[in-house]
Protein backbone atom coordinates (compact mmCIF):
# COMPACT_ATOMS: atom_id res chain seq x y z
CA MET A 1 -0.10 0.18 0.19
CA TYR A 2 1.64 3.46 -1.11
CA SER A 3 1.23 6.34 1.38
CA GLY A 4 1.69 8.83 -1.40
CA LYS A 5 2.72 9.75 -5.12
CA GLN A 6 5.70 10.95 -6.02
CA ALA A 7 6.48 14.52 -7.17
CA LEU A 8 9.86 15.54 -8.42
CA ARG A 9 10.54 18.63 -10.22
CA LEU A 10 13.31 20.17 -12.33
CA GLU A 11 13.93 24.06 -13.30
CA LYS A 12 16.53 26.21 -14.86
CA PHE A 13 17.50 29.54 -14.25
CA GLU A 14 19.74 31.81 -16.26
CA ALA A 15 21.75 34.43 -14.77
CA SER A 16 19.44 37.67 -15.63
CA ASN A 17 16.71 35.67 -13.84
CA ILE A 18 18.48 34.85 -10.37
CA GLY A 19 18.73 38.36 -9.07
CA GLY A 20 14.93 38.47 -7.59
CA LEU A 21 15.16 34.89 -5.68
CA ASP A 22 16.01 36.11 -2.38
CA LYS A 23 12.37 38.22 -2.52
CA GLU A 24 10.91 34.72 -3.22
CA LEU A 25 12.82 32.50 -1.07
CA LYS A 26 13.86 34.98 2.05
CA GLU A 27 10.68 37.60 1.88
CA ARG A 28 8.33 35.49 0.48
CA LYS A 29 7.27 37.56 -2.21
CA GLY A 30 6.15 36.69 -5.41
CA SER A 31 4.14 34.51 -7.55
CA GLY A 32 2.89 31.73 -4.30
CA LYS A 33 0.54 32.53 -2.28
CA TYR A 34 2.28 32.25 0.86
CA ASP A 35 0.16 32.76 4.69
CA SER A 36 2.91 35.08 6.63
CA SER A 37 1.16 33.29 9.54
CA ARG A 38 3.13 30.30 8.36
CA THR A 39 6.45 31.48 6.77
CA PRO A 40 8.25 31.40 10.21
CA TYR A 41 7.55 27.63 10.71
CA ASN A 42 9.84 27.56 7.19
CA ILE A 43 13.09 25.73 7.44
CA GLU A 44 16.33 26.49 5.68
CA LEU A 45 18.49 23.36 5.64
CA ILE A 46 21.11 24.81 3.96
CA ASN A 47 21.22 28.76 3.84
CA TYR A 48 23.89 30.63 1.18
CA ASP A 49 27.18 32.84 3.16
CA GLY A 50 26.82 35.88 0.81
CA PRO A 51 24.18 38.95 1.27
CA THR A 52 22.08 37.35 -1.78
CA LEU A 53 21.68 34.32 -3.41
CA SER A 54 23.36 35.55 -6.77
CA SER A 55 26.59 37.10 -5.20
CA SER A 56 27.06 33.77 -3.22
CA THR A 57 26.61 31.72 -6.67
CA PHE A 58 28.89 33.86 -8.29
CA ASP A 59 31.51 33.93 -5.71
CA TYR A 60 31.55 30.17 -5.41
CA LEU A 61 31.95 30.08 -9.11
CA TYR A 62 34.95 32.61 -9.02
CA SER A 63 36.39 31.28 -5.95
CA ASN A 64 36.22 27.85 -7.12
CA ASN A 65 37.62 28.53 -10.49
CA ILE A 66 35.15 27.15 -12.04
CA ASN A 67 34.76 28.24 -15.91
CA TYR A 68 31.69 30.00 -17.24
CA ASN A 69 30.77 32.97 -20.25
CA PRO A 70 29.86 35.73 -18.07
CA ASN A 71 29.05 37.48 -21.03
CA LYS A 72 26.50 34.83 -21.60
CA LYS A 73 22.98 35.92 -20.43
CA ASN A 74 21.40 32.63 -21.04
CA THR A 75 23.78 30.72 -19.02
CA LYS A 76 21.99 28.10 -16.46
CA VAL A 77 23.64 29.39 -13.84
CA LEU A 78 21.34 27.33 -11.07
CA ASN A 79 18.91 24.08 -11.08
CA VAL A 80 16.57 23.86 -8.92
CA LEU A 81 14.59 20.23 -7.94
CA ILE A 82 11.45 20.69 -6.16
CA ILE A 83 10.32 17.75 -3.45
CA THR A 84 6.86 16.81 -2.19
CA SER A 85 4.24 14.58 -2.13
CA GLY A 86 0.17 14.30 -2.49
CA GLN A 87 -1.82 15.68 0.58
CA GLU A 88 -2.51 12.42 1.64
CA PHE A 89 0.92 11.50 1.86
CA PHE A 90 1.72 14.14 5.26
CA GLU A 91 -1.31 13.09 6.52
CA HIS A 92 -0.60 9.72 6.63
CA TYR A 93 2.23 10.87 8.52
CA GLY A 94 0.20 12.97 11.06
CA MET A 95 0.05 16.58 9.39
CA GLU A 96 -3.36 18.22 9.74
CA PHE A 97 -4.96 19.95 6.64
CA LYS A 98 -7.70 22.68 6.48
CA ASP A 99 -10.42 23.96 3.56
CA THR A 100 -9.36 27.41 2.48
CA GLY A 101 -12.75 28.28 1.06
CA GLU A 102 -11.89 28.45 -2.11
CA PHE A 103 -12.35 25.39 -5.12
CA TYR A 104 -10.17 24.25 -7.49
CA LYS A 105 -11.35 25.11 -11.26
CA THR A 106 -9.45 23.36 -13.53
CA GLY A 107 -7.38 20.05 -13.68
CA ASP A 108 -7.85 16.36 -11.66
CA ASN A 109 -9.08 18.31 -8.67
CA ALA A 110 -11.70 20.55 -10.47
CA GLY A 111 -14.50 21.15 -8.02
CA GLN A 112 -13.02 20.21 -4.98
CA PRO A 113 -11.76 22.22 -2.21
CA ILE A 114 -8.36 23.95 -1.75
CA ARG A 115 -7.06 22.75 1.56
CA HIS A 116 -3.66 24.28 3.36
CA VAL A 117 -1.37 22.62 5.57
CA VAL A 118 -1.66 23.70 9.47
CA ILE A 119 1.60 24.10 11.01
CA ASP A 120 1.19 26.43 14.07
CA GLU A 121 2.87 25.96 17.91
CA ASN A 122 -0.27 23.51 18.30
CA HIS A 123 1.10 21.47 15.31
CA LYS A 124 4.35 20.92 14.80
CA LEU A 125 6.02 19.44 12.02
CA PRO A 126 6.18 15.56 12.29
CA THR A 127 9.36 13.71 13.03
CA GLU A 128 8.86 11.41 9.88
CA ILE A 129 7.89 14.21 7.65
CA LYS A 130 11.48 16.01 8.41
CA LYS A 131 13.06 12.92 8.34
CA PHE A 132 11.68 12.50 4.74
CA PHE A 133 12.83 15.74 3.77
CA ASP A 134 16.48 15.16 5.17
CA GLU A 135 16.49 11.92 3.30
CA SER A 136 15.82 14.06 -0.27
CA LEU A 137 18.26 16.10 0.48
CA ASN A 138 20.59 13.47 1.55
CA PHE A 139 20.42 11.49 -2.05
CA ILE A 140 20.42 15.45 -4.05
CA LYS A 141 23.97 15.70 -2.06
CA GLU A 142 25.05 12.52 -3.43
CA TYR A 143 23.70 13.18 -7.11
CA VAL A 144 24.64 16.53 -7.90
CA GLY A 145 27.65 16.68 -5.12
CA SER A 146 26.96 18.60 -1.89
CA GLU A 147 29.73 21.09 -2.57
CA ASN A 148 27.42 22.53 -5.47
CA ILE A 149 24.26 23.12 -3.30
CA ARG A 150 23.87 26.80 -2.79
CA TYR A 151 20.53 26.71 -0.97
CA ALA A 152 18.16 24.15 0.29
CA ALA A 153 14.71 24.85 2.55
CA ILE A 154 11.52 23.49 3.64
CA HIS A 155 8.64 25.32 2.96
CA LEU A 156 5.30 24.98 4.93
CA ASP A 157 3.58 28.23 3.82
CA GLU A 158 1.90 27.51 1.08
CA SER A 159 -0.64 24.52 0.51
CA THR A 160 1.45 21.62 0.36
CA PRO A 161 4.80 20.76 1.88
CA HIS A 162 7.65 20.96 -0.21
CA MET A 163 11.33 21.19 -0.43
CA HIS A 164 13.48 23.77 -3.08
CA ILE A 165 17.27 22.37 -3.57
CA TYR A 166 19.13 25.18 -5.87
CA PHE A 167 22.53 23.85 -6.80
CA THR A 168 25.25 24.73 -9.45
CA PRO A 169 25.21 22.22 -12.17
CA VAL A 170 29.07 21.70 -12.72
CA VAL A 171 30.82 18.88 -14.44
CA ASN A 172 34.44 17.90 -14.58
CA GLU A 173 34.34 17.94 -18.46
CA VAL A 174 33.11 19.41 -21.60
CA LYS A 175 32.35 18.54 -25.32
CA ARG A 176 33.69 21.40 -27.46
CA LYS A 177 32.91 22.24 -30.90
CA VAL A 178 36.15 22.14 -33.62
CA PHE A 179 36.44 25.20 -35.75
CA GLU A 180 38.21 25.20 -38.64
CA LEU A 181 40.99 27.19 -38.42
CA ASP A 182 43.62 29.98 -40.97
CA GLU A 183 47.15 29.80 -41.27
CA ASN A 184 47.07 32.46 -38.49
CA GLY A 185 45.07 30.33 -35.76
CA HIS A 186 41.94 32.56 -36.54
CA GLN A 187 38.45 30.83 -37.63
CA LEU A 188 37.20 30.23 -40.90
CA LYS A 189 33.83 31.82 -41.31
CA HIS A 190 30.82 31.42 -43.55
CA GLU A 191 27.90 33.39 -44.54
CA ILE A 192 24.24 32.10 -43.57
CA VAL A 193 21.02 33.37 -43.72
CA ASN A 194 19.20 33.08 -40.53
CA LYS A 195 15.63 32.20 -39.85
CA ASN A 196 14.71 36.00 -40.15
CA GLY A 197 16.16 36.21 -43.74
CA GLU A 198 19.46 38.27 -42.07
CA LYS A 199 22.87 37.26 -43.57
CA LYS A 200 25.48 36.48 -40.85
CA LEU A 201 28.99 35.23 -40.38
CA VAL A 202 29.45 32.35 -38.62
CA PRO A 203 32.50 29.55 -37.66
CA ILE A 204 33.04 26.68 -40.11
CA GLN A 205 32.80 23.59 -38.03
CA LYS A 206 35.30 21.40 -38.50
CA LYS A 207 34.36 17.38 -39.50
CA ASP A 208 36.16 14.13 -39.77
CA GLU A 209 36.27 12.05 -43.02
CA ASN A 210 32.56 11.31 -42.78
CA GLY A 211 31.34 14.41 -42.68
CA LYS A 212 30.32 14.31 -38.89
CA ASN A 213 30.79 17.58 -37.09
CA ILE A 214 34.25 17.11 -34.44
CA TYR A 215 34.54 17.70 -30.96
CA GLU A 216 37.22 17.73 -28.34
CA THR A 217 36.72 16.80 -24.82
CA VAL A 218 38.28 19.20 -22.50
CA LYS A 219 38.83 18.60 -18.87
CA GLY A 220 38.28 20.78 -15.65
CA LYS A 221 35.52 22.68 -13.80
CA PHE A 222 32.98 24.00 -15.79
CA LEU A 223 29.62 25.51 -15.18
CA ASN A 224 27.26 23.92 -17.59
CA SER A 225 23.93 22.50 -17.38
CA ASP A 226 23.38 20.96 -20.39
CA GLN A 227 26.49 18.64 -20.44
CA PHE A 228 25.16 18.30 -16.58
CA TRP A 229 22.18 16.77 -17.84
CA LYS A 230 24.46 14.43 -20.67
CA GLN A 231 26.39 13.01 -18.53
CA LYS A 232 23.29 12.03 -16.48
CA GLY A 233 22.01 10.20 -18.75
CA GLY A 234 20.58 12.94 -21.92
CA ASN A 235 16.63 12.64 -22.99
CA ALA A 236 16.39 9.50 -20.14
CA SER A 237 18.05 11.69 -17.81
CA TYR A 238 14.84 13.11 -15.81
CA THR A 239 13.24 9.86 -15.94
CA LEU A 240 16.77 8.04 -14.44
CA LEU A 241 16.17 10.50 -12.08
CA GLN A 242 12.73 9.99 -10.79
CA ASP A 243 13.73 5.56 -10.66
CA ASP A 244 16.98 6.12 -8.50
CA TYR A 245 15.33 8.52 -6.16
CA ASN A 246 12.13 6.47 -6.10
CA GLU A 247 14.57 3.58 -4.92
CA PHE A 248 16.34 5.18 -2.51
CA ILE A 249 13.57 6.63 -0.85
CA LYS A 250 12.01 3.54 -0.52
CA SER A 251 14.75 2.35 1.32
CA ARG A 252 15.01 5.09 4.03
CA GLY A 253 10.91 3.76 4.26
CA PHE A 254 9.04 5.98 2.71
CA ASN A 255 6.50 3.93 0.33
CA ILE A 256 5.66 6.77 -2.35
CA PHE A 257 3.80 5.55 -5.54
CA ARG A 258 6.53 6.24 -8.63
CA GLY A 259 4.03 6.67 -11.12
CA GLU A 260 3.64 4.25 -14.27
CA ILE A 261 5.93 5.40 -17.26
CA GLY A 262 4.03 5.99 -20.13
CA GLY A 263 0.54 5.96 -18.70
CA ASP A 264 -1.24 8.54 -19.49
CA LYS A 265 -1.12 10.84 -16.49
CA THR A 266 2.24 10.34 -15.56
CA HIS A 267 5.72 10.83 -16.81
CA LEU A 268 4.76 12.70 -20.07
CA THR A 269 6.97 14.65 -21.78
CA ASN A 270 5.60 18.24 -23.00
CA ALA A 271 5.58 16.57 -26.59
CA MET A 272 3.22 13.52 -25.53
CA LYS A 273 1.36 16.42 -23.61
CA GLN A 274 1.13 18.87 -26.87
CA GLN A 275 -0.25 15.67 -28.48
CA ILE A 276 -2.95 14.98 -26.42
CA GLU A 277 -4.25 18.42 -26.53
CA LEU A 278 -3.82 18.24 -30.64
CA ASN A 279 -5.95 14.89 -30.69
CA ALA A 280 -8.64 16.64 -28.60
CA LEU A 281 -8.91 19.80 -30.58
CA ASN A 282 -8.44 17.84 -33.47
CA GLN A 283 -11.76 15.57 -32.56
CA GLU A 284 -13.47 19.01 -31.57
CA ILE A 285 -12.58 20.84 -35.06
CA LYS A 286 -13.96 17.06 -36.79
CA GLN A 287 -17.07 17.52 -34.90
CA GLU A 288 -17.18 21.16 -35.80
CA ASN A 289 -16.86 20.29 -39.29
CA GLU A 290 -19.76 17.62 -39.67
CA LEU A 291 -21.63 20.66 -37.84
CA LEU A 292 -20.83 22.39 -40.83
CA LYS A 293 -21.78 20.00 -43.50
CA GLU A 294 -25.25 20.19 -42.16
CA ALA A 295 -25.25 23.43 -42.02
CA ASN A 296 -24.34 23.75 -45.45
CA LYS A 297 -26.29 20.97 -47.14
CA ALA A 298 -29.50 22.68 -44.86
CA GLU A 299 -28.52 26.08 -46.47
CA ASN A 300 -28.43 24.46 -50.36
CA GLN A 301 -31.78 22.66 -49.63
CA PHE A 302 -32.89 26.40 -48.72
CA ILE A 303 -31.31 27.91 -51.71
CA ASP A 304 -32.65 25.46 -54.01
CA LYS A 305 -36.18 25.69 -52.74
CA VAL A 306 -36.24 29.54 -52.55
CA ASP A 307 -34.28 29.37 -56.44
CA THR A 308 -37.07 27.00 -57.43
CA GLU A 309 -39.97 29.54 -55.88
CA THR A 310 -38.34 32.95 -57.55
CA SER A 311 -37.87 31.59 -60.88
CA LYS A 312 -37.77 33.95 -63.74
CA ASP A 313 -41.39 32.71 -64.25
CA ILE A 314 -42.49 34.29 -61.11
CA LEU A 315 -41.10 37.95 -63.03
CA ASN A 316 -43.30 37.32 -66.21
CA PRO A 317 -46.23 39.27 -66.22
CA VAL A 318 -47.80 35.92 -68.62
CA LYS A 319 -46.75 33.36 -66.14
CA LYS A 320 -47.87 35.51 -63.17
CA GLY A 321 -51.34 33.69 -62.35
CA ILE A 322 -48.28 30.96 -60.51
CA MET A 323 -48.45 33.48 -57.29
CA LYS A 324 -52.28 34.30 -57.61
CA GLN A 325 -51.90 35.33 -53.58
CA TYR A 326 -49.82 38.70 -55.18
CA LYS A 327 -51.78 41.63 -57.08
CA ASP A 328 -51.59 42.17 -60.43
CA GLU A 329 -49.81 45.48 -59.76
CA ASP A 330 -47.31 44.37 -57.65
CA ILE A 331 -46.04 41.74 -59.88
CA ASP A 332 -45.36 44.24 -63.10
CA LYS A 333 -43.47 46.71 -60.74
CA LEU A 334 -41.43 43.22 -59.69
CA SER A 335 -40.84 42.06 -62.88
CA LEU A 336 -40.03 45.99 -64.37
CA TYR A 337 -37.92 45.77 -61.31
CA SER A 338 -35.76 42.96 -62.35
CA LYS A 339 -35.64 44.31 -66.15
CA GLU A 340 -33.76 47.39 -64.46
CA LEU A 341 -31.62 45.27 -62.59
CA ALA A 342 -30.32 43.23 -65.64
CA GLU A 343 -30.02 46.25 -67.50
CA ASP A 344 -27.53 48.63 -64.82
CA ASN A 345 -25.37 44.55 -64.88
CA ILE A 346 -24.95 45.17 -68.26
CA LYS A 347 -23.85 48.88 -67.64
CA LYS A 348 -21.53 47.55 -64.87
CA ASP A 349 -20.19 45.28 -67.18
CA LEU A 350 -18.94 48.00 -69.55
CA GLU A 351 -17.30 50.02 -67.42
CA ILE A 352 -15.48 47.15 -66.02
CA GLU A 353 -14.79 46.14 -69.86
CA ILE A 354 -13.71 49.60 -70.09
CA LEU A 355 -11.41 50.39 -67.10
CA THR A 356 -9.71 46.90 -67.90
CA LYS A 357 -8.43 47.96 -71.27
CA GLU A 358 -7.09 51.53 -70.31
CA VAL A 359 -5.27 49.15 -67.50
CA ASN A 360 -3.87 47.02 -70.35
CA ASN A 361 -3.01 50.37 -71.75
CA PHE A 362 -1.26 51.81 -69.23
CA LYS A 363 1.07 48.81 -68.84
CA SER A 364 1.91 48.73 -72.28
CA GLY A 365 2.31 52.16 -72.56
CA GLN A 366 5.53 54.66 -71.86
CA ALA A 367 4.68 56.05 -68.66
CA TYR A 368 4.31 52.09 -67.18
CA ILE A 369 7.61 51.53 -68.71
CA LYS A 370 9.63 54.26 -67.17
CA GLN A 371 7.64 54.29 -63.86
CA LYS A 372 8.85 50.02 -63.82
CA LYS A 373 12.51 51.49 -64.46
CA ILE A 374 12.92 53.78 -61.57
CA ILE A 375 11.32 51.54 -59.34
CA ASP A 376 13.70 48.57 -60.60
CA SER A 377 16.63 51.01 -59.72
CA GLN A 378 15.54 51.88 -56.82
CA LYS A 379 14.89 47.98 -55.59
CA GLU A 380 18.57 47.78 -56.30
CA ILE A 381 19.70 50.38 -54.73
CA ILE A 382 17.76 49.18 -51.54
CA ASP A 383 19.15 45.65 -52.07
CA ASN A 384 23.38 47.08 -52.23
CA LYS A 385 22.46 48.87 -49.24
CA ASN A 386 21.67 45.80 -47.23
CA LYS A 387 24.25 44.22 -48.13
CA GLU A 388 26.41 47.19 -47.24
CA ILE A 389 24.60 47.27 -43.89
CA GLY A 390 24.92 43.31 -43.70
CA PHE A 391 28.94 43.32 -44.21
CA TRP A 392 28.94 46.55 -41.15
CA LYS A 393 26.64 44.25 -38.83
CA ASN A 394 29.11 41.41 -39.31
CA LYS A 395 32.62 43.87 -38.85
CA PHE A 396 30.87 44.65 -36.16
CA GLN A 397 30.31 41.38 -34.84
CA GLU A 398 33.37 40.53 -34.78
CA LEU A 399 34.71 43.49 -33.11
CA THR A 400 32.65 43.24 -30.21
CA GLU A 401 34.03 39.62 -30.22
CA GLU A 402 37.75 40.54 -30.10
CA PHE A 403 36.69 43.94 -27.50
CA ASN A 404 34.68 40.99 -25.25
CA ASN A 405 37.91 38.28 -25.22
CA PHE A 406 39.87 41.26 -24.84
CA LYS A 407 38.51 42.65 -22.02
CA THR A 408 38.13 39.21 -20.45
CA MET A 409 42.04 39.25 -20.53
CA ILE A 410 42.53 42.27 -18.80
CA GLN A 411 40.13 41.14 -15.97
CA ASN A 412 41.58 37.75 -16.02
CA LYS A 413 44.77 39.50 -15.62
CA ILE A 414 43.78 42.20 -12.87
CA TYR A 415 42.29 39.60 -10.78
CA SER A 416 45.89 37.28 -11.36
CA LEU A 417 48.18 40.13 -10.68
CA THR A 418 46.02 41.32 -7.46
CA THR A 419 46.14 38.13 -6.04
CA LYS A 420 49.47 37.53 -6.18
CA LEU A 421 49.87 40.79 -4.31
CA LEU A 422 47.53 39.94 -1.73
CA ASP A 423 48.57 36.98 -1.35
CA VAL A 424 52.66 37.99 -0.93
CA LEU A 425 51.04 40.47 1.49
CA HIS A 426 48.72 37.80 3.37
CA ILE A 427 46.15 40.10 3.10
CA PRO A 428 42.37 38.44 2.94
CA TYR A 429 40.37 38.97 0.50
CA ASN A 430 37.00 37.93 -1.16
CA TRP A 431 36.05 37.68 -5.32
CA HIS A 432 34.86 41.32 -5.71
CA GLN A 433 38.05 42.71 -3.77
CA ALA A 434 40.66 40.80 -5.82
CA ASN A 435 38.92 42.41 -8.84
CA ASP A 436 39.40 45.71 -7.54
CA PRO A 437 42.62 46.88 -7.82
CA ASP A 438 42.48 50.37 -5.93
CA PHE A 439 41.53 48.25 -3.06
CA ALA A 440 44.50 45.94 -3.87
CA ILE A 441 46.84 49.49 -3.96
CA ASN A 442 45.32 50.72 -0.54
CA LYS A 443 45.78 47.52 1.46
CA ALA A 444 49.41 47.59 -0.16
CA LYS A 445 50.10 50.87 0.52
CA GLN A 446 48.49 50.40 3.93
CA TYR A 447 50.89 47.58 4.38
CA LEU A 448 54.18 49.34 3.37
CA ASN A 449 52.95 52.43 5.69
CA LYS A 450 52.85 49.75 8.38
CA ASN A 451 56.20 48.49 7.97
CA LYS A 452 57.88 51.93 7.67
CA SER A 453 56.47 53.19 10.77
CA ARG A 454 57.77 50.12 12.31
CA ASP A 455 61.25 50.76 10.91
CA ASP A 456 61.10 54.30 12.17
CA LEU A 457 60.56 52.69 15.45
CA GLU A 458 62.91 50.80 15.23
CA ARG A 459 65.61 53.17 14.32
């Protein structure tokens, strides 16, 4: 008999998105529904040592010489694993829940009352639940490396207890593309057209004798989320993680349901979910189409009936007797109106024919030819300008790359020189201070002045 369902979810955060996490994690301000009366009962299992999670993370990366590209804004700097179970699991171990007066509007629980956990001085966190989260954290420590975990906390101020574990996805080797080089060691590039129709110069990747792209394996410490999950199993990594976690947590005495792999509701990939939604939409469209066919059929039948009833016989005064319910004078008026409409249509057709001839005459005339030459000339000028703009865009991009590389090199040299100076003088420092030459110079001056004063006293 299972005590609950397994729930383990992964999210990834880019460098540009981690600055505001502190408000969510510490101040409990954000998109979630947080109950401030229960927030004091949240438990921080691993806290970060800096003023913010962001600064603590970057200090960790720099102080441990972990390689990553600081100029790449979409680098996945942090991953977070969220671990929980259904409310029945927590009730099984003695936790209480109460109705909020609201109801679920969608999903499997649609129509059911929304409940949240009861936690206060009289309702403490059960020992078994604390053990469940502690053991889960032990598993993740082993899985991602305890040194890479930046923050872990149990949250009890939302509807269901859960644990967040933030970690840096660090690997000891990466596979990198190998590019074609010229005789000076510079990358060879070729022009491509991107999805926006823009021309762009990109490096040419080196290929083996079979035409496959060549990669090289580089050893070291790297922040690389993609490589991290590839090394954990690639496309199957998330499934393997779920399997391993389920086996581990069961071995610790918590019999939670892993879920049926390939079932209708559990372990569906995004593609599978989209396919299910598309199938449902397709079925709905088919039903709508059948209704449209029926409506079309009914409309055609109605039109046929109207055509039969309003045939030319009705408008013919000689045969007007078939509509005896109408007055003769009304039918005469209708017949006359019909003739006027016919004459008007003939006039319109003549006007259209005359206008068409005028257009054709214009197209074959000198005015048209002259105008077309001007337009073609303008198009050629625009095309040439676009090519010139594309060329200078590529040049600008190349210069920007060179500048960024030069900037990084200078920053690394400054860091190297300042750290050497501070190490020689036995002056403690953090990463921010090591990148600040003024700090190093001031500390060196203080050190020299201190030694000078000591020498003066000895004299």
